Amino acid sequence: MKAMILAAGRGERMRPLTDHTPKPLLQAGGKPLIMWHIERLARAGITELVINHAHLGGQIETALGDGSRFGVSIRYSPEHPAALETAGGIAHALHLLGSAPFAVVNGDIYCDYDFS
């Protein structure tokens, strides 16, 4: 199974923190929000991830790389020149996700959902 992590939002309500850092990379509990999801997905055996990004998206790619240090494979779906909103972002990434069912996670929140 694959998962898509939504990480393209601007994070307006978190300004000024998100003026220079994408919201999914803001820290909570000692690590970026998005890393909590990546680790939980990997523990559940979901290791093929697609992450969309727009605002400061290069920082997300730099921070996470190809995902190998987390035991996952990460592919990116950049949205330029601006974010496509939730449905648009998913539709834009479908060529990376394939036709099988996949999970979708908001990368800019913290939750302790057990993906298994």
C-alpha atoms as a PDB file:
ATOM      1  CA  MET A   1       0.000   0.000   0.000  1.00  0.00           C
ATOM      2  CA  LYS A   2       1.088   3.555  -0.726  1.00  0.00           C
ATOM      3  CA  ALA A   3       0.376   6.766   1.141  1.00  0.00           C
ATOM      4  CA  MET A   4       0.266  10.392   0.138  1.00  0.00           C
ATOM      5  CA  ILE A   5       1.295  13.028   2.632  1.00  0.00           C
ATOM      6  CA  LEU A   6      -0.218  16.431   1.913  1.00  0.00           C
ATOM      7  CA  ALA A   7       2.434  19.077   2.506  1.00  0.00           C
ATOM      8  CA  ALA A   8       1.719  21.871   0.026  1.00  0.00           C
ATOM      9  CA  GLY A   9      -0.124  24.391   2.200  1.00  0.00           C
ATOM     10  CA  ARG A  10       1.161  27.846   3.028  1.00  0.00           C
ATOM     11  CA  GLY A  11       0.370  27.664   6.748  1.00  0.00           C
ATOM     12  CA  GLU A  12      -1.097  31.161   6.957  1.00  0.00           C
ATOM     13  CA  ARG A  13      -2.383  30.759  10.529  1.00  0.00           C
ATOM     14  CA  MET A  14       1.114  29.812  11.731  1.00  0.00           C
ATOM     15  CA  ARG A  15       2.776  32.948  10.369  1.00  0.00           C
ATOM     16  CA  PRO A  16       5.398  34.221  11.006  1.00  0.00           C
ATOM     17  CA  LEU A  17       6.798  30.706  11.673  1.00  0.00           C
ATOM     18  CA  THR A  18       5.827  29.553   8.178  1.00  0.00           C
ATOM     19  CA  ASP A  19       7.336  32.550   6.405  1.00  0.00           C
ATOM     20  CA  HIS A  20      10.643  30.665   6.321  1.00  0.00           C
ATOM     21  CA  THR A  21       9.728  27.060   7.190  1.00  0.00           C
ATOM     22  CA  PRO A  22       7.052  24.861   5.570  1.00  0.00           C
ATOM     23  CA  LYS A  23       4.385  23.970   8.139  1.00  0.00           C
ATOM     24  CA  PRO A  24       5.088  20.183   7.938  1.00  0.00           C
ATOM     25  CA  LEU A  25       8.668  20.896   9.038  1.00  0.00           C
ATOM     26  CA  LEU A  26       7.631  22.813  12.170  1.00  0.00           C
ATOM     27  CA  GLN A  27       8.745  20.909  15.243  1.00  0.00           C
ATOM     28  CA  ALA A  28       6.478  19.225  17.784  1.00  0.00           C
ATOM     29  CA  GLY A  29       7.853  16.921  20.450  1.00  0.00           C
ATOM     30  CA  GLY A  30      11.402  17.308  19.183  1.00  0.00           C
ATOM     31  CA  LYS A  31      10.906  16.524  15.487  1.00  0.00           C
ATOM     32  CA  PRO A  32       9.119  17.898  12.439  1.00  0.00           C
ATOM     33  CA  LEU A  33       5.402  17.120  12.221  1.00  0.00           C
ATOM     34  CA  ILE A  34       5.813  15.221   8.945  1.00  0.00           C
ATOM     35  CA  MET A  35       8.434  12.882  10.432  1.00  0.00           C
ATOM     36  CA  TRP A  36       5.940  11.578  12.999  1.00  0.00           C
ATOM     37  CA  HIS A  37       3.742  10.413  10.099  1.00  0.00           C
ATOM     38  CA  ILE A  38       6.602   8.913   8.116  1.00  0.00           C
ATOM     39  CA  GLU A  39       7.742   6.874  11.109  1.00  0.00           C
ATOM     40  CA  ARG A  40       4.213   5.605  11.871  1.00  0.00           C
ATOM     41  CA  LEU A  41       3.548   4.737   8.237  1.00  0.00           C
ATOM     42  CA  ALA A  42       6.838   2.807   8.060  1.00  0.00           C
ATOM     43  CA  ARG A  43       5.990   0.868  11.243  1.00  0.00           C
ATOM     44  CA  ALA A  44       2.675  -0.095   9.666  1.00  0.00           C
ATOM     45  CA  GLY A  45       4.438  -1.413   6.565  1.00  0.00           C
ATOM     46  CA  ILE A  46       3.432   1.491   4.326  1.00  0.00           C
ATOM     47  CA  THR A  47       6.767   2.316   2.777  1.00  0.00           C
ATOM     48  CA  GLU A  48       5.955   3.882  -0.597  1.00  0.00           C
ATOM     49  CA  LEU A  49       5.180   7.539   0.031  1.00  0.00           C
ATOM     50  CA  VAL A  50       4.293  10.455  -2.203  1.00  0.00           C
ATOM     51  CA  ILE A  51       4.603  13.947  -0.747  1.00  0.00           C
ATOM     52  CA  ASN A  52       3.216  16.979  -2.521  1.00  0.00           C
ATOM     53  CA  HIS A  53       4.657  20.403  -1.836  1.00  0.00           C
ATOM     54  CA  ALA A  54       4.473  24.010  -2.954  1.00  0.00           C
ATOM     55  CA  HIS A  55       5.433  26.735  -0.439  1.00  0.00           C
ATOM     56  CA  LEU A  56       9.144  26.291   0.361  1.00  0.00           C
ATOM     57  CA  GLY A  57       8.869  22.719  -0.914  1.00  0.00           C
ATOM     58  CA  GLY A  58      12.569  22.423  -1.595  1.00  0.00           C
ATOM     59  CA  GLN A  59      13.129  22.459   2.162  1.00  0.00           C
ATOM     60  CA  ILE A  60      10.892  19.404   2.513  1.00  0.00           C
ATOM     61  CA  GLU A  61      12.860  17.500  -0.123  1.00  0.00           C
ATOM     62  CA  THR A  62      16.156  18.510   1.498  1.00  0.00           C
ATOM     63  CA  ALA A  63      14.990  17.479   4.979  1.00  0.00           C
ATOM     64  CA  LEU A  64      13.517  14.108   3.974  1.00  0.00           C
ATOM     65  CA  GLY A  65      15.532  13.108   0.919  1.00  0.00           C
ATOM     66  CA  ASP A  66      14.564   9.814  -0.687  1.00  0.00           C
ATOM     67  CA  GLY A  67      13.230   8.481   2.628  1.00  0.00           C
ATOM     68  CA  SER A  68      15.797   5.696   2.971  1.00  0.00           C
ATOM     69  CA  ARG A  69      16.912   6.810   6.440  1.00  0.00           C
ATOM     70  CA  PHE A  70      13.310   6.243   7.590  1.00  0.00           C
ATOM     71  CA  GLY A  71      12.981   2.885   5.835  1.00  0.00           C
ATOM     72  CA  VAL A  72      10.644   4.245   3.164  1.00  0.00           C
ATOM     73  CA  SER A  73      10.776   5.410  -0.427  1.00  0.00           C
ATOM     74  CA  ILE A  74       9.645   9.004  -0.991  1.00  0.00           C
ATOM     75  CA  ARG A  75       8.613  10.488  -4.326  1.00  0.00           C
ATOM     76  CA  TYR A  76       7.654  14.134  -4.605  1.00  0.00           C
ATOM     77  CA  SER A  77       4.842  15.882  -6.439  1.00  0.00           C
ATOM     78  CA  PRO A  78       5.765  19.565  -6.690  1.00  0.00           C
ATOM     79  CA  GLU A  79       2.924  21.984  -7.338  1.00  0.00           C
ATOM     80  CA  HIS A  80       4.033  25.101  -9.191  1.00  0.00           C
ATOM     81  CA  PRO A  81       3.478  27.987  -9.226  1.00  0.00           C
ATOM     82  CA  ALA A  82       1.097  27.526  -6.285  1.00  0.00           C
ATOM     83  CA  ALA A  83      -0.608  24.799  -4.237  1.00  0.00           C
ATOM     84  CA  LEU A  84      -3.541  23.077  -5.934  1.00  0.00           C
ATOM     85  CA  GLU A  85      -5.685  22.561  -2.809  1.00  0.00           C
ATOM     86  CA  THR A  86      -6.381  19.055  -1.470  1.00  0.00           C
ATOM     87  CA  ALA A  87      -8.249  17.426  -4.370  1.00  0.00           C
ATOM     88  CA  GLY A  88      -6.063  19.103  -6.977  1.00  0.00           C
ATOM     89  CA  GLY A  89      -2.902  17.992  -5.206  1.00  0.00           C
ATOM     90  CA  ILE A  90      -4.090  14.395  -5.064  1.00  0.00           C
ATOM     91  CA  ALA A  91      -5.185  14.426  -8.717  1.00  0.00           C
ATOM     92  CA  HIS A  92      -1.823  15.917  -9.728  1.00  0.00           C
ATOM     93  CA  ALA A  93       0.009  13.070  -7.955  1.00  0.00           C
ATOM     94  CA  LEU A  94      -2.105  10.150  -9.222  1.00  0.00           C
ATOM     95  CA  HIS A  95       0.536   9.172 -11.784  1.00  0.00           C
ATOM     96  CA  LEU A  96       2.882   8.502  -8.833  1.00  0.00           C
ATOM     97  CA  LEU A  97       0.256   6.743  -6.714  1.00  0.00           C
ATOM     98  CA  GLY A  98      -1.127   4.273  -9.248  1.00  0.00           C
ATOM     99  CA  SER A  99      -4.595   2.761  -9.379  1.00  0.00           C
ATOM    100  CA  ALA A 100      -4.633   0.794  -6.097  1.00  0.00           C
ATOM    101  CA  PRO A 101      -6.142   2.300  -2.937  1.00  0.00           C
ATOM    102  CA  PHE A 102      -3.806   4.521  -0.928  1.00  0.00           C
ATOM    103  CA  ALA A 103      -3.869   6.376   2.385  1.00  0.00           C
ATOM    104  CA  VAL A 104      -3.864  10.174   2.590  1.00  0.00           C
ATOM    105  CA  VAL A 105      -2.371  12.006   5.575  1.00  0.00           C
ATOM    106  CA  ASN A 106      -2.153  15.719   6.338  1.00  0.00           C
ATOM    107  CA  GLY A 107       1.536  16.389   6.885  1.00  0.00           C
ATOM    108  CA  ASP A 108       1.050  19.511   8.954  1.00  0.00           C
ATOM    109  CA  ILE A 109      -0.756  18.031  11.943  1.00  0.00           C
ATOM    110  CA  TYR A 110       0.174  15.738  14.800  1.00  0.00           C
ATOM    111  CA  CYS A 111      -1.882  12.654  15.562  1.00  0.00           C
ATOM    112  CA  ASP A 112      -1.112   9.233  16.965  1.00  0.00           C
ATOM    113  CA  TYR A 113      -3.245   7.246  14.527  1.00  0.00           C
ATOM    114  CA  ASP A 114      -2.136   3.633  14.168  1.00  0.00           C
ATOM    115  CA  PHE A 115      -1.899   3.111  10.408  1.00  0.00           C
ATOM    116  CA  SER A 116      -1.656  -0.655  10.756  1.00  0.00           C
END
